[in-house]
Amino acid sequence: MEGAIVKSVAGFINTRGGTLFIGIDDKGRALGLEQDMGTLSSRPNVDGFEQWLRQVLVSAMGAAIVTSIGVGFPVIDDRQICMIRVPPAQRPTYVPDGGGTELFVRAGNTSRRLDAVEIGAYERSRFGP
């Protein structure tokens, strides 16, 4: 789950920003975070989940980027979910993936890794010269 979260957040940061929901299935039904929080050893609660989440993001993107990300825990259908609000970045944000660093963008409802040829063109069009 960590890799998918990092890629999604990086994709939002590098595109136009957006909101990522954890604990919601593909059909929009609330599943909740209970099982995920149960895997946390020291604090299996919302506070522990947010601390774990932010540490995952800091490790992948750095603290300066993560401070701009908003995290909330709304309750839907009696189930607590996680909502991550991601603003767009002013410069490209690369993340570790497969032994190197990669640039991810959002394309519809997916996060997509750009190849070397696409990166240059995308950086110029999105972030300027």
N, C-alpha and C. Protein backbone atom coordinates (compact mmCIF):
# COMPACT_ATOMS: atom_id res chain seq x y z
N MET A 1 0.82 -1.18 0.00
CA MET A 1 0.00 0.00 0.00
C MET A 1 0.87 1.26 0.00
N GLU A 2 2.04 1.21 0.64
CA GLU A 2 2.89 2.40 0.72
C GLU A 2 3.27 2.92 -0.66
N GLY A 3 3.70 2.03 -1.55
CA GLY A 3 4.11 2.44 -2.88
C GLY A 3 2.97 3.08 -3.66
N ALA A 4 1.79 2.53 -3.55
CA ALA A 4 0.63 3.09 -4.25
C ALA A 4 0.28 4.47 -3.73
N ILE A 5 0.39 4.67 -2.43
CA ILE A 5 0.10 5.98 -1.84
C ILE A 5 1.13 7.00 -2.33
N VAL A 6 2.39 6.65 -2.27
CA VAL A 6 3.46 7.57 -2.69
C VAL A 6 3.28 7.94 -4.16
N LYS A 7 3.04 6.96 -5.02
CA LYS A 7 2.88 7.25 -6.45
C LYS A 7 1.67 8.13 -6.71
N SER A 8 0.57 7.87 -6.02
CA SER A 8 -0.64 8.68 -6.20
C SER A 8 -0.42 10.11 -5.74
N VAL A 9 0.15 10.28 -4.56
CA VAL A 9 0.41 11.63 -4.05
C VAL A 9 1.39 12.37 -4.96
N ALA A 10 2.45 11.69 -5.40
CA ALA A 10 3.40 12.32 -6.33
C ALA A 10 2.71 12.71 -7.63
N GLY A 11 1.83 11.84 -8.12
CA GLY A 11 1.10 12.16 -9.35
C GLY A 11 0.25 13.40 -9.20
N PHE A 12 -0.43 13.54 -8.06
CA PHE A 12 -1.23 14.73 -7.80
C PHE A 12 -0.34 15.97 -7.70
N ILE A 13 0.75 15.86 -6.95
CA ILE A 13 1.65 17.00 -6.77
C ILE A 13 2.17 17.49 -8.11
N ASN A 14 2.54 16.57 -8.98
CA ASN A 14 3.15 16.94 -10.26
C ASN A 14 2.13 17.35 -11.32
N THR A 15 0.86 17.17 -11.05
CA THR A 15 -0.15 17.54 -12.04
C THR A 15 -0.87 18.79 -11.54
N ARG A 16 -2.11 18.67 -11.12
CA ARG A 16 -2.88 19.84 -10.68
C ARG A 16 -3.32 19.74 -9.23
N GLY A 17 -2.71 18.84 -8.48
CA GLY A 17 -3.17 18.60 -7.12
C GLY A 17 -4.38 17.68 -7.15
N GLY A 18 -4.92 17.37 -6.00
CA GLY A 18 -6.09 16.51 -5.94
C GLY A 18 -6.27 15.92 -4.56
N THR A 19 -7.20 14.99 -4.46
CA THR A 19 -7.53 14.36 -3.19
C THR A 19 -7.47 12.85 -3.35
N LEU A 20 -6.76 12.21 -2.44
CA LEU A 20 -6.64 10.76 -2.41
C LEU A 20 -7.40 10.25 -1.19
N PHE A 21 -8.24 9.25 -1.40
CA PHE A 21 -8.99 8.63 -0.31
C PHE A 21 -8.44 7.24 -0.04
N ILE A 22 -8.18 6.93 1.21
CA ILE A 22 -7.77 5.59 1.63
C ILE A 22 -8.91 5.04 2.48
N GLY A 23 -9.29 3.79 2.20
CA GLY A 23 -10.41 3.18 2.91
C GLY A 23 -11.71 3.26 2.13
N ILE A 24 -11.60 3.56 0.84
CA ILE A 24 -12.74 3.61 -0.08
C ILE A 24 -12.43 2.66 -1.22
N ASP A 25 -13.40 1.83 -1.62
CA ASP A 25 -13.13 0.92 -2.73
C ASP A 25 -13.38 1.61 -4.07
N ASP A 26 -13.12 0.91 -5.17
CA ASP A 26 -13.25 1.50 -6.50
C ASP A 26 -14.67 1.90 -6.86
N LYS A 27 -15.63 1.38 -6.15
CA LYS A 27 -17.03 1.74 -6.40
C LYS A 27 -17.51 2.87 -5.49
N GLY A 28 -16.59 3.42 -4.68
CA GLY A 28 -16.93 4.54 -3.82
C GLY A 28 -17.52 4.15 -2.48
N ARG A 29 -17.46 2.87 -2.13
CA ARG A 29 -18.00 2.42 -0.85
C ARG A 29 -16.93 2.54 0.24
N ALA A 30 -17.35 3.01 1.40
CA ALA A 30 -16.42 3.14 2.53
C ALA A 30 -16.11 1.77 3.11
N LEU A 31 -14.84 1.42 3.13
CA LEU A 31 -14.38 0.17 3.75
C LEU A 31 -13.83 0.44 5.14
N GLY A 32 -13.29 1.63 5.35
CA GLY A 32 -12.71 2.00 6.63
C GLY A 32 -11.23 1.67 6.72
N LEU A 33 -10.65 2.11 7.82
CA LEU A 33 -9.21 1.95 8.05
C LEU A 33 -8.89 0.96 9.16
N GLU A 34 -9.90 0.30 9.70
CA GLU A 34 -9.68 -0.54 10.88
C GLU A 34 -8.57 -1.57 10.66
N GLN A 35 -8.61 -2.28 9.54
CA GLN A 35 -7.57 -3.29 9.28
C GLN A 35 -6.20 -2.64 9.13
N ASP A 36 -6.14 -1.52 8.44
CA ASP A 36 -4.86 -0.83 8.26
C ASP A 36 -4.31 -0.35 9.60
N MET A 37 -5.17 0.24 10.41
CA MET A 37 -4.72 0.73 11.71
C MET A 37 -4.30 -0.44 12.61
N GLY A 38 -4.91 -1.60 12.43
CA GLY A 38 -4.56 -2.78 13.22
C GLY A 38 -3.15 -3.27 12.97
N THR A 39 -2.54 -2.88 11.84
CA THR A 39 -1.17 -3.31 11.54
C THR A 39 -0.12 -2.43 12.22
N LEU A 40 -0.56 -1.31 12.79
CA LEU A 40 0.37 -0.41 13.46
C LEU A 40 0.67 -0.94 14.85
N SER A 41 1.93 -1.13 15.16
CA SER A 41 2.29 -1.77 16.42
C SER A 41 2.15 -0.86 17.64
N SER A 42 2.64 0.37 17.54
CA SER A 42 2.66 1.19 18.75
C SER A 42 1.36 1.96 19.01
N ARG A 43 0.76 2.49 17.97
CA ARG A 43 -0.47 3.28 18.15
C ARG A 43 -1.47 2.92 17.06
N PRO A 44 -2.26 1.88 17.26
CA PRO A 44 -3.22 1.47 16.22
C PRO A 44 -4.49 2.34 16.25
N ASN A 45 -4.31 3.64 15.97
CA ASN A 45 -5.43 4.57 15.97
C ASN A 45 -5.19 5.61 14.87
N VAL A 46 -6.08 6.58 14.78
CA VAL A 46 -5.98 7.60 13.73
C VAL A 46 -4.67 8.39 13.85
N ASP A 47 -4.29 8.75 15.06
CA ASP A 47 -3.06 9.50 15.25
C ASP A 47 -1.85 8.69 14.77
N GLY A 48 -1.81 7.43 15.11
CA GLY A 48 -0.72 6.56 14.67
C GLY A 48 -0.73 6.38 13.16
N PHE A 49 -1.93 6.28 12.56
CA PHE A 49 -2.02 6.13 11.11
C PHE A 49 -1.50 7.37 10.41
N GLU A 50 -1.87 8.56 10.90
CA GLU A 50 -1.38 9.78 10.27
C GLU A 50 0.14 9.89 10.42
N GLN A 51 0.65 9.53 11.59
CA GLN A 51 2.11 9.58 11.78
C GLN A 51 2.81 8.62 10.82
N TRP A 52 2.28 7.41 10.68
CA TRP A 52 2.84 6.44 9.73
C TRP A 52 2.78 6.98 8.30
N LEU A 53 1.63 7.52 7.91
CA LEU A 53 1.44 8.05 6.57
C LEU A 53 2.42 9.17 6.27
N ARG A 54 2.52 10.12 7.18
CA ARG A 54 3.43 11.24 6.95
C ARG A 54 4.89 10.78 6.89
N GLN A 55 5.26 9.79 7.69
CA GLN A 55 6.63 9.28 7.65
C GLN A 55 6.91 8.62 6.30
N VAL A 56 5.96 7.86 5.78
CA VAL A 56 6.11 7.24 4.46
C VAL A 56 6.33 8.32 3.40
N LEU A 57 5.53 9.37 3.45
CA LEU A 57 5.63 10.44 2.46
C LEU A 57 6.91 11.25 2.63
N VAL A 58 7.31 11.53 3.86
CA VAL A 58 8.56 12.26 4.10
C VAL A 58 9.74 11.46 3.58
N SER A 59 9.75 10.16 3.83
CA SER A 59 10.86 9.31 3.36
C SER A 59 10.96 9.31 1.84
N ALA A 60 9.82 9.40 1.16
CA ALA A 60 9.82 9.36 -0.31
C ALA A 60 10.02 10.73 -0.95
N MET A 61 9.49 11.81 -0.32
CA MET A 61 9.46 13.11 -0.97
C MET A 61 10.17 14.23 -0.23
N GLY A 62 10.45 14.03 1.03
CA GLY A 62 11.07 15.07 1.83
C GLY A 62 10.05 15.85 2.64
N ALA A 63 10.50 16.36 3.77
CA ALA A 63 9.61 17.05 4.71
C ALA A 63 9.02 18.33 4.13
N ALA A 64 9.77 19.05 3.32
CA ALA A 64 9.28 20.32 2.79
C ALA A 64 8.02 20.13 1.96
N ILE A 65 7.97 19.08 1.17
CA ILE A 65 6.79 18.79 0.34
C ILE A 65 5.62 18.36 1.21
N VAL A 66 5.89 17.49 2.17
CA VAL A 66 4.82 16.86 2.96
C VAL A 66 4.12 17.86 3.88
N THR A 67 4.80 18.95 4.26
CA THR A 67 4.14 19.92 5.14
C THR A 67 2.96 20.60 4.45
N SER A 68 2.92 20.61 3.14
CA SER A 68 1.81 21.25 2.42
C SER A 68 0.62 20.32 2.21
N ILE A 69 0.77 19.06 2.56
CA ILE A 69 -0.29 18.07 2.34
C ILE A 69 -1.21 18.03 3.55
N GLY A 70 -2.52 18.10 3.30
CA GLY A 70 -3.51 18.03 4.37
C GLY A 70 -4.05 16.62 4.54
N VAL A 71 -4.16 16.17 5.77
CA VAL A 71 -4.68 14.83 6.05
C VAL A 71 -5.86 14.96 7.01
N GLY A 72 -6.97 14.31 6.66
CA GLY A 72 -8.16 14.30 7.51
C GLY A 72 -8.74 12.90 7.59
N PHE A 73 -9.62 12.70 8.55
CA PHE A 73 -10.20 11.38 8.78
C PHE A 73 -11.72 11.47 8.94
N PRO A 74 -12.41 11.72 7.83
CA PRO A 74 -13.88 11.78 7.92
C PRO A 74 -14.49 10.38 8.15
N VAL A 75 -15.71 10.39 8.65
CA VAL A 75 -16.44 9.14 8.85
C VAL A 75 -17.55 9.08 7.80
N ILE A 76 -17.58 7.98 7.06
CA ILE A 76 -18.59 7.75 6.04
C ILE A 76 -19.23 6.40 6.32
N ASP A 77 -20.55 6.37 6.41
CA ASP A 77 -21.27 5.13 6.70
C ASP A 77 -20.70 4.43 7.93
N ASP A 78 -20.44 5.20 8.98
CA ASP A 78 -19.91 4.69 10.25
C ASP A 78 -18.52 4.09 10.13
N ARG A 79 -17.79 4.43 9.08
CA ARG A 79 -16.43 3.93 8.89
C ARG A 79 -15.49 5.10 8.69
N GLN A 80 -14.40 5.07 9.41
CA GLN A 80 -13.43 6.14 9.30
C GLN A 80 -12.51 5.87 8.11
N ILE A 81 -12.35 6.90 7.28
CA ILE A 81 -11.47 6.81 6.11
C ILE A 81 -10.39 7.88 6.24
N CYS A 82 -9.44 7.87 5.32
CA CYS A 82 -8.39 8.88 5.29
C CYS A 82 -8.53 9.68 4.00
N MET A 83 -8.49 11.01 4.14
CA MET A 83 -8.57 11.90 2.99
C MET A 83 -7.28 12.73 2.96
N ILE A 84 -6.55 12.62 1.86
CA ILE A 84 -5.28 13.34 1.71
C ILE A 84 -5.47 14.41 0.64
N ARG A 85 -5.37 15.68 1.04
CA ARG A 85 -5.49 16.80 0.11
C ARG A 85 -4.09 17.23 -0.33
N VAL A 86 -3.86 17.17 -1.63
CA VAL A 86 -2.53 17.40 -2.18
C VAL A 86 -2.56 18.63 -3.09
N PRO A 87 -1.80 19.68 -2.74
CA PRO A 87 -1.74 20.84 -3.62
C PRO A 87 -0.74 20.58 -4.75
N PRO A 88 -0.86 21.30 -5.86
CA PRO A 88 0.14 21.16 -6.92
C PRO A 88 1.47 21.78 -6.49
N ALA A 89 2.56 21.21 -6.95
CA ALA A 89 3.89 21.72 -6.62
C ALA A 89 4.32 22.79 -7.61
N GLN A 90 5.31 23.57 -7.21
CA GLN A 90 5.87 24.60 -8.08
C GLN A 90 7.02 24.07 -8.92
N ARG A 91 7.53 22.90 -8.53
CA ARG A 91 8.61 22.25 -9.28
C ARG A 91 8.38 20.75 -9.24
N PRO A 92 8.99 19.99 -10.14
CA PRO A 92 8.74 18.55 -10.18
C PRO A 92 9.20 17.86 -8.90
N THR A 93 8.43 16.86 -8.51
CA THR A 93 8.75 16.05 -7.34
C THR A 93 8.99 14.62 -7.80
N TYR A 94 10.21 14.16 -7.63
CA TYR A 94 10.59 12.80 -8.00
C TYR A 94 10.51 11.92 -6.77
N VAL A 95 10.20 10.64 -6.98
CA VAL A 95 10.13 9.69 -5.87
C VAL A 95 10.92 8.43 -6.21
N PRO A 96 11.43 7.74 -5.18
CA PRO A 96 12.14 6.49 -5.43
C PRO A 96 11.19 5.42 -5.97
N ASP A 97 11.67 4.68 -6.96
CA ASP A 97 10.88 3.58 -7.52
C ASP A 97 11.81 2.66 -8.29
N GLY A 98 11.87 1.41 -7.88
CA GLY A 98 12.66 0.43 -8.61
C GLY A 98 14.15 0.70 -8.64
N GLY A 99 14.70 1.30 -7.59
CA GLY A 99 16.14 1.53 -7.54
C GLY A 99 16.57 2.89 -8.07
N GLY A 100 15.68 3.63 -8.68
CA GLY A 100 16.00 4.96 -9.18
C GLY A 100 15.00 5.96 -8.67
N THR A 101 14.93 7.10 -9.33
CA THR A 101 13.89 8.07 -9.00
C THR A 101 13.02 8.27 -10.24
N GLU A 102 11.75 8.45 -10.00
CA GLU A 102 10.78 8.53 -11.09
C GLU A 102 9.90 9.75 -10.93
N LEU A 103 9.34 10.20 -12.05
CA LEU A 103 8.38 11.29 -12.05
C LEU A 103 7.02 10.70 -12.40
N PHE A 104 6.06 10.87 -11.49
CA PHE A 104 4.70 10.38 -11.71
C PHE A 104 3.76 11.56 -11.92
N VAL A 105 2.78 11.37 -12.80
CA VAL A 105 1.73 12.36 -13.04
C VAL A 105 0.39 11.64 -12.99
N ARG A 106 -0.67 12.40 -12.83
CA ARG A 106 -2.01 11.83 -12.88
C ARG A 106 -2.50 11.88 -14.33
N ALA A 107 -3.08 10.79 -14.76
CA ALA A 107 -3.71 10.68 -16.08
C ALA A 107 -5.08 10.06 -15.82
N GLY A 108 -6.10 10.90 -15.74
CA GLY A 108 -7.42 10.40 -15.37
C GLY A 108 -7.41 9.94 -13.92
N ASN A 109 -7.77 8.69 -13.71
CA ASN A 109 -7.81 8.17 -12.34
C ASN A 109 -6.61 7.27 -12.03
N THR A 110 -5.52 7.43 -12.76
CA THR A 110 -4.33 6.62 -12.53
C THR A 110 -3.10 7.51 -12.36
N SER A 111 -2.10 6.95 -11.71
CA SER A 111 -0.79 7.61 -11.63
C SER A 111 0.11 6.92 -12.63
N ARG A 112 0.77 7.71 -13.45
CA ARG A 112 1.55 7.16 -14.54
C ARG A 112 2.98 7.67 -14.45
N ARG A 113 3.94 6.75 -14.61
CA ARG A 113 5.36 7.09 -14.62
C ARG A 113 5.72 7.59 -16.01
N LEU A 114 6.41 8.72 -16.06
CA LEU A 114 6.86 9.24 -17.35
C LEU A 114 8.22 8.66 -17.68
N ASP A 115 8.45 8.38 -18.96
CA ASP A 115 9.78 7.90 -19.36
C ASP A 115 10.67 9.11 -19.61
N ALA A 116 11.95 8.86 -19.89
CA ALA A 116 12.94 9.92 -20.02
C ALA A 116 12.57 10.95 -21.08
N VAL A 117 12.03 10.51 -22.19
CA VAL A 117 11.64 11.43 -23.26
C VAL A 117 10.47 12.31 -22.83
N GLU A 118 9.51 11.73 -22.14
CA GLU A 118 8.32 12.48 -21.71
C GLU A 118 8.63 13.48 -20.61
N ILE A 119 9.60 13.17 -19.76
CA ILE A 119 9.89 14.03 -18.61
C ILE A 119 10.27 15.44 -19.04
N GLY A 120 11.19 15.57 -19.97
CA GLY A 120 11.63 16.90 -20.40
C GLY A 120 10.48 17.75 -20.93
N ALA A 121 9.69 17.17 -21.81
CA ALA A 121 8.56 17.90 -22.38
C ALA A 121 7.54 18.25 -21.31
N TYR A 122 7.27 17.31 -20.42
CA TYR A 122 6.28 17.58 -19.37
C TYR A 122 6.76 18.68 -18.42
N GLU A 123 8.02 18.60 -17.99
CA GLU A 123 8.55 19.62 -17.09
C GLU A 123 8.47 21.01 -17.72
N ARG A 124 8.80 21.12 -19.00
CA ARG A 124 8.72 22.43 -19.66
C ARG A 124 7.28 22.94 -19.74
N SER A 125 6.35 22.05 -20.08
CA SER A 125 4.96 22.49 -20.23
C SER A 125 4.28 22.77 -18.90
N ARG A 126 4.61 22.00 -17.86
CA ARG A 126 3.94 22.15 -16.56
C ARG A 126 4.64 23.15 -15.64
N PHE A 127 5.97 23.13 -15.64
CA PHE A 127 6.72 23.94 -14.69
C PHE A 127 7.48 25.09 -15.32
N GLY A 128 7.52 25.16 -16.64
CA GLY A 128 8.23 26.24 -17.33
C GLY A 128 9.67 25.90 -17.63
N PRO A 129 10.35 26.77 -18.33
CA PRO A 129 11.74 26.50 -18.75
C PRO A 129 12.71 26.48 -17.59
